[in-house]
Protein backbone atom coordinates (compact mmCIF):
# COMPACT_ATOMS: atom_id res chain seq x y z
CA MET A 1 96.97 203.39 177.98
CA LYS A 2 95.13 203.72 174.51
CA ARG A 3 94.24 200.98 172.43
CA ILE A 4 93.18 200.85 168.47
CA ASP A 5 91.86 198.16 167.46
CA SER A 6 89.72 198.75 163.90
CA VAL A 7 91.53 199.42 160.94
CA LYS A 8 89.02 201.87 159.68
CA ASN A 9 89.69 204.32 162.78
CA GLU A 10 90.21 208.03 161.94
CA GLN A 11 93.66 207.87 163.46
CA VAL A 12 94.84 205.19 161.59
CA LYS A 13 93.82 205.87 158.23
CA HIS A 14 95.44 209.58 158.96
CA TRP A 15 99.25 207.28 159.81
CA LYS A 16 98.22 205.68 156.57
CA LYS A 17 98.66 208.59 154.65
CA LEU A 18 102.05 208.90 156.09
CA HIS A 19 103.19 206.87 154.17
CA THR A 20 103.05 209.28 151.37
CA ARG A 21 105.66 212.41 151.29
CA LYS A 22 102.16 214.92 150.65
CA GLY A 23 101.14 213.43 153.55
CA ARG A 24 103.99 213.56 155.86
CA GLU A 25 104.47 217.44 155.11
CA LYS A 26 100.52 217.86 155.83
CA ALA A 27 100.78 216.29 159.19
CA GLY A 28 104.56 217.09 159.88
CA ARG A 29 104.43 213.83 161.22
CA PHE A 30 106.67 210.54 159.65
CA LEU A 31 106.28 206.93 160.69
CA ILE A 32 108.88 204.24 161.28
CA GLU A 33 108.59 200.46 162.56
CA GLY A 34 111.02 197.88 164.09
CA TYR A 35 112.93 197.54 167.04
CA HIS A 36 116.18 199.02 166.34
CA LEU A 37 114.89 201.98 164.22
CA VAL A 38 112.32 203.08 166.99
CA GLU A 39 115.22 202.62 169.33
CA GLU A 40 117.51 204.80 167.88
CA ALA A 41 114.37 207.47 167.33
CA LEU A 42 113.44 207.21 170.95
CA LYS A 43 117.85 207.98 171.63
CA SER A 44 117.93 210.66 169.22
CA VAL A 45 116.23 214.43 169.19
CA ILE A 46 113.70 213.19 167.12
CA GLU A 47 109.95 213.76 168.96
CA VAL A 48 108.82 210.68 169.04
CA GLU A 49 105.17 211.05 169.36
CA TRP A 50 103.52 207.82 169.57
CA VAL A 51 104.97 204.44 170.44
CA LEU A 52 102.60 201.77 168.87
CA HIS A 53 103.02 198.19 169.50
CA THR A 54 100.72 195.21 169.50
CA GLU A 55 99.43 193.09 172.45
CA THR A 56 102.77 190.70 172.46
CA ALA A 57 105.07 192.85 171.69
CA THR A 58 107.66 193.19 174.09
CA ILE A 59 108.79 197.11 175.17
CA PRO A 60 112.36 197.96 176.31
CA ALA A 61 112.81 198.66 179.62
CA SER A 62 115.29 200.78 178.47
CA TRP A 63 113.34 203.07 176.43
CA LYS A 64 111.58 204.57 179.34
CA ALA A 65 108.70 206.65 177.88
CA SER A 66 105.94 207.01 180.08
CA GLU A 67 102.32 205.68 179.32
CA ARG A 68 100.02 208.61 177.43
CA ASP A 69 103.84 207.80 175.02
CA TYR A 70 102.08 204.26 174.15
CA ILE A 71 99.12 203.03 171.80
CA ILE A 72 98.70 199.05 172.10
CA VAL A 73 96.56 198.10 168.62
CA SER A 74 95.42 194.79 166.77
CA ASP A 75 97.48 192.90 164.59
CA GLN A 76 95.35 193.80 161.89
CA VAL A 77 95.83 197.73 162.47
CA MET A 78 100.08 197.35 162.64
CA LYS A 79 99.44 194.81 159.69
CA GLU A 80 97.32 197.85 157.87
CA LEU A 81 100.11 200.59 158.82
CA SER A 82 103.34 198.21 158.27
CA GLU A 83 105.58 198.13 154.62
CA THR A 84 106.50 195.22 155.70
CA GLU A 85 106.72 191.87 154.65
CA THR A 86 106.70 190.81 158.21
CA PRO A 87 105.91 193.00 160.73
CA GLN A 88 107.78 193.60 164.02
CA GLY A 89 105.32 194.39 166.59
CA ILE A 90 106.14 197.80 167.11
CA ALA A 91 106.38 201.39 164.93
CA ALA A 92 106.30 205.45 166.03
CA ILE A 93 104.84 208.36 164.83
CA CYS A 94 107.71 211.04 164.82
CA VAL A 95 107.69 214.28 164.30
CA LEU A 96 109.54 215.74 161.20
CA PRO A 97 112.72 218.08 162.77
CA GLN A 98 113.20 221.17 161.79
CA GLU A 99 116.18 220.94 159.07
CA PRO A 100 119.41 221.92 161.19
CA LEU A 101 121.59 224.76 159.99
CA PHE A 102 125.60 224.67 159.86
CA THR A 103 126.87 227.32 162.25
CA GLU A 104 129.82 226.60 160.50
CA LEU A 105 131.23 225.10 157.07
CA LYS A 106 133.89 222.84 158.26
CA GLY A 107 134.79 218.86 158.08
CA GLN A 108 133.80 216.65 155.53
CA PHE A 109 130.21 217.17 154.04
CA LEU A 110 127.81 214.86 150.87
CA ILE A 111 126.14 216.06 148.20
CA LEU A 112 123.67 214.27 146.31
CA ASP A 113 122.61 215.61 143.32
CA ARG A 114 119.27 214.02 141.94
CA VAL A 115 119.68 210.41 143.82
CA GLN A 116 116.29 208.74 143.26
CA ASP A 117 116.85 204.96 144.38
CA PRO A 118 115.57 205.22 148.40
CA GLY A 119 118.00 202.24 148.80
CA ASN A 120 120.72 203.83 147.41
CA LEU A 121 120.17 207.27 149.82
CA GLY A 122 119.60 205.15 152.63
CA THR A 123 123.03 203.07 152.06
CA MET A 124 125.14 206.54 151.65
CA ILE A 125 123.65 207.92 154.43
CA ARG A 126 124.53 205.16 156.46
CA THR A 127 128.01 205.01 154.82
CA ALA A 128 128.38 208.69 155.96
CA ASP A 129 127.20 208.15 159.09
CA ALA A 130 130.08 205.41 159.48
CA ALA A 131 132.49 207.28 157.65
CA GLY A 132 132.01 210.38 160.59
CA VAL A 133 130.81 213.16 157.82
CA THR A 134 129.69 216.15 158.91
CA GLY A 135 126.61 216.31 157.39
CA VAL A 136 124.48 215.90 153.96
CA ILE A 137 122.56 217.61 151.62
CA LEU A 138 119.91 216.22 149.32
CA GLY A 139 119.53 218.44 146.08
CA GLU A 140 116.59 218.92 144.23
CA GLY A 141 115.32 215.88 142.62
CA THR A 142 116.33 213.42 145.60
CA VAL A 143 113.89 211.32 146.48
CA ASP A 144 112.54 212.34 150.34
CA VAL A 145 114.34 211.44 153.00
CA PHE A 146 111.43 210.51 155.09
CA ASN A 147 110.58 207.72 152.68
CA SER A 148 109.78 204.49 154.38
CA LYS A 149 112.40 202.51 151.99
CA VAL A 150 115.44 205.33 152.96
CA ILE A 151 114.75 205.06 156.90
CA ARG A 152 114.66 201.26 156.90
CA ALA A 153 118.01 201.47 154.43
CA SER A 154 119.69 203.78 156.63
CA GLN A 155 119.39 201.85 159.89
CA GLY A 156 118.76 204.63 161.90
CA SER A 157 121.68 206.38 160.90
CA MET A 158 119.43 209.42 159.64
CA PHE A 159 119.33 210.21 163.20
CA HIS A 160 122.35 210.31 163.91
CA LEU A 161 123.81 212.77 161.34
CA PRO A 162 122.57 216.43 159.68
CA VAL A 163 120.38 215.53 156.65
CA ILE A 164 119.35 219.04 154.76
CA ARG A 165 117.52 219.57 151.70
CA GLY A 166 119.11 222.52 149.45
CA ASP A 167 120.64 224.21 145.46
CA VAL A 168 123.71 222.02 144.57
CA LEU A 169 124.28 225.44 142.95
CA GLU A 170 124.15 227.19 145.99
CA TRP A 171 125.92 224.91 148.39
CA ILE A 172 128.83 224.43 145.91
CA GLU A 173 129.45 228.46 145.79
CA ARG A 174 128.87 228.85 149.84
CA PHE A 175 131.73 225.98 150.68
CA LYS A 176 134.08 227.15 147.49
CA GLY A 177 133.96 230.64 149.03
CA VAL A 178 135.03 229.47 152.77
CA GLY A 179 137.63 227.55 150.90
CA ILE A 180 136.81 223.97 151.15
CA PRO A 181 137.99 221.97 148.11
CA VAL A 182 134.73 220.96 146.29
CA PHE A 183 135.39 217.55 144.31
CA GLY A 184 132.70 216.34 141.48
CA THR A 185 132.15 212.09 140.23
CA ALA A 186 132.66 211.61 136.61
CA LEU A 187 133.68 209.22 134.45
CA GLN A 188 135.20 211.74 131.43
CA ASP A 189 137.15 214.31 131.99
CA ALA A 190 137.98 213.06 135.53
CA SER A 191 140.59 211.96 137.61
CA SER A 192 141.33 208.65 139.10
CA TYR A 193 140.58 209.07 143.34
CA THR A 194 144.09 208.37 144.36
CA ALA A 195 145.01 211.65 141.97
CA ILE A 196 144.35 213.69 144.73
CA GLU A 197 145.26 213.12 148.80
CA PRO A 198 142.83 213.08 151.69
CA GLN A 199 140.89 216.16 152.87
CA PRO A 200 140.45 217.48 156.48
CA ASP A 201 137.40 219.44 155.06
CA TYR A 202 135.82 218.37 151.65
CA ALA A 203 132.12 218.42 149.87
CA LEU A 204 131.65 215.57 147.59
CA ILE A 205 129.35 215.40 144.97
CA VAL A 206 127.72 211.91 143.90
CA GLY A 207 124.92 211.89 141.04
CA ASN A 208 121.74 210.61 139.47
CA GLU A 209 121.82 206.19 139.07
CA GLY A 210 121.11 206.53 135.36
CA GLU A 211 123.06 210.10 134.51
CA GLY A 212 125.45 210.50 137.43
CA VAL A 213 126.55 214.57 138.11
CA ALA A 214 124.81 217.40 136.33
CA PRO A 215 127.05 218.93 133.78
CA ASP A 216 126.51 222.30 135.12
CA LEU A 217 127.74 221.41 138.31
CA LEU A 218 130.73 219.52 137.29
CA ALA A 219 131.88 222.75 135.16
CA ILE A 220 132.21 224.57 138.84
CA THR A 221 133.79 221.92 140.83
CA ASP A 222 137.47 222.01 142.13
CA GLN A 223 138.44 218.78 140.22
CA ASN A 224 136.20 216.02 139.43
CA ILE A 225 137.52 212.12 139.92
CA TYR A 226 136.17 208.57 139.40
CA VAL A 227 136.52 204.83 140.70
CA PRO A 228 138.17 202.89 138.10
CA ILE A 229 136.98 199.54 136.81
CA TYR A 230 139.35 196.85 136.60
CA GLY A 231 136.79 194.60 136.11
CA LYS A 232 133.93 194.12 132.94
CA ALA A 233 132.06 196.11 134.52
CA GLU A 234 130.05 198.71 133.45
CA SER A 235 129.77 200.86 136.38
CA LEU A 236 129.66 200.64 140.32
CA ASN A 237 126.30 201.03 142.15
CA VAL A 238 126.53 204.68 143.32
CA GLY A 239 126.26 203.79 146.90
CA VAL A 240 129.29 201.43 147.04
CA ALA A 241 131.81 204.68 144.67
CA THR A 242 130.66 206.85 147.20
CA GLY A 243 131.74 204.59 150.35
CA ILE A 244 135.06 203.95 148.63
CA LEU A 245 135.66 207.62 147.97
CA LEU A 246 134.62 209.21 151.62
CA TYR A 247 136.89 206.80 153.31
CA TYR A 248 139.52 207.36 150.75
CA LEU A 249 138.95 210.97 151.31
CA ARG A 250 138.74 210.81 155.33
CA GLY A 251 142.37 209.44 155.43
């Protein structure tokens, strides 16, 4: 079994570059850490290139990977590669997947317009997975889905459903072209979400944490909706609002 002890090892330097979007796209790889995320990746269609673990880490028998897929690393190397305060001693290098294609536009879709907080994006992907959403579309300006904070916040849900990048305007036109209603979210010129009925097929657009959905997108939706505020809070977190709307629309 291969072993790496030094943080100056060229392979370690190469893997550390996966902490940046540029590094991930150049290498065609991304890094995950922690038992839960590695297990979710191994159970999915994601190609796991290497499983990295410290000498004291226990490898579950259920993972069933061959020896050549494992690399023992020192605690110092694991700490160098980790972005968490308390590394679990387990990580993996995965191949960036090809973006999935929707062969049939049918079902429930979540479209994100310029969502920039990694925690929010990961939470919304996790919520979309729990609500049985068909796919998530990331518009330009949305944080990279393979950002480590996004991956951790998603708790592995990003491995369970299609997540693709695309032009929001083009996707709105595609959905409307096949008769799928498109709902925007806005605080003005919008109706309470309870004014519409749950839908078997829909596309829901949620927007940037500070600015919301872009006005040019709101202008071409079928209907714009909002979640009422009954207390004194100025607004809801975009992830919380998304969860309310996805579960309501599902019926």
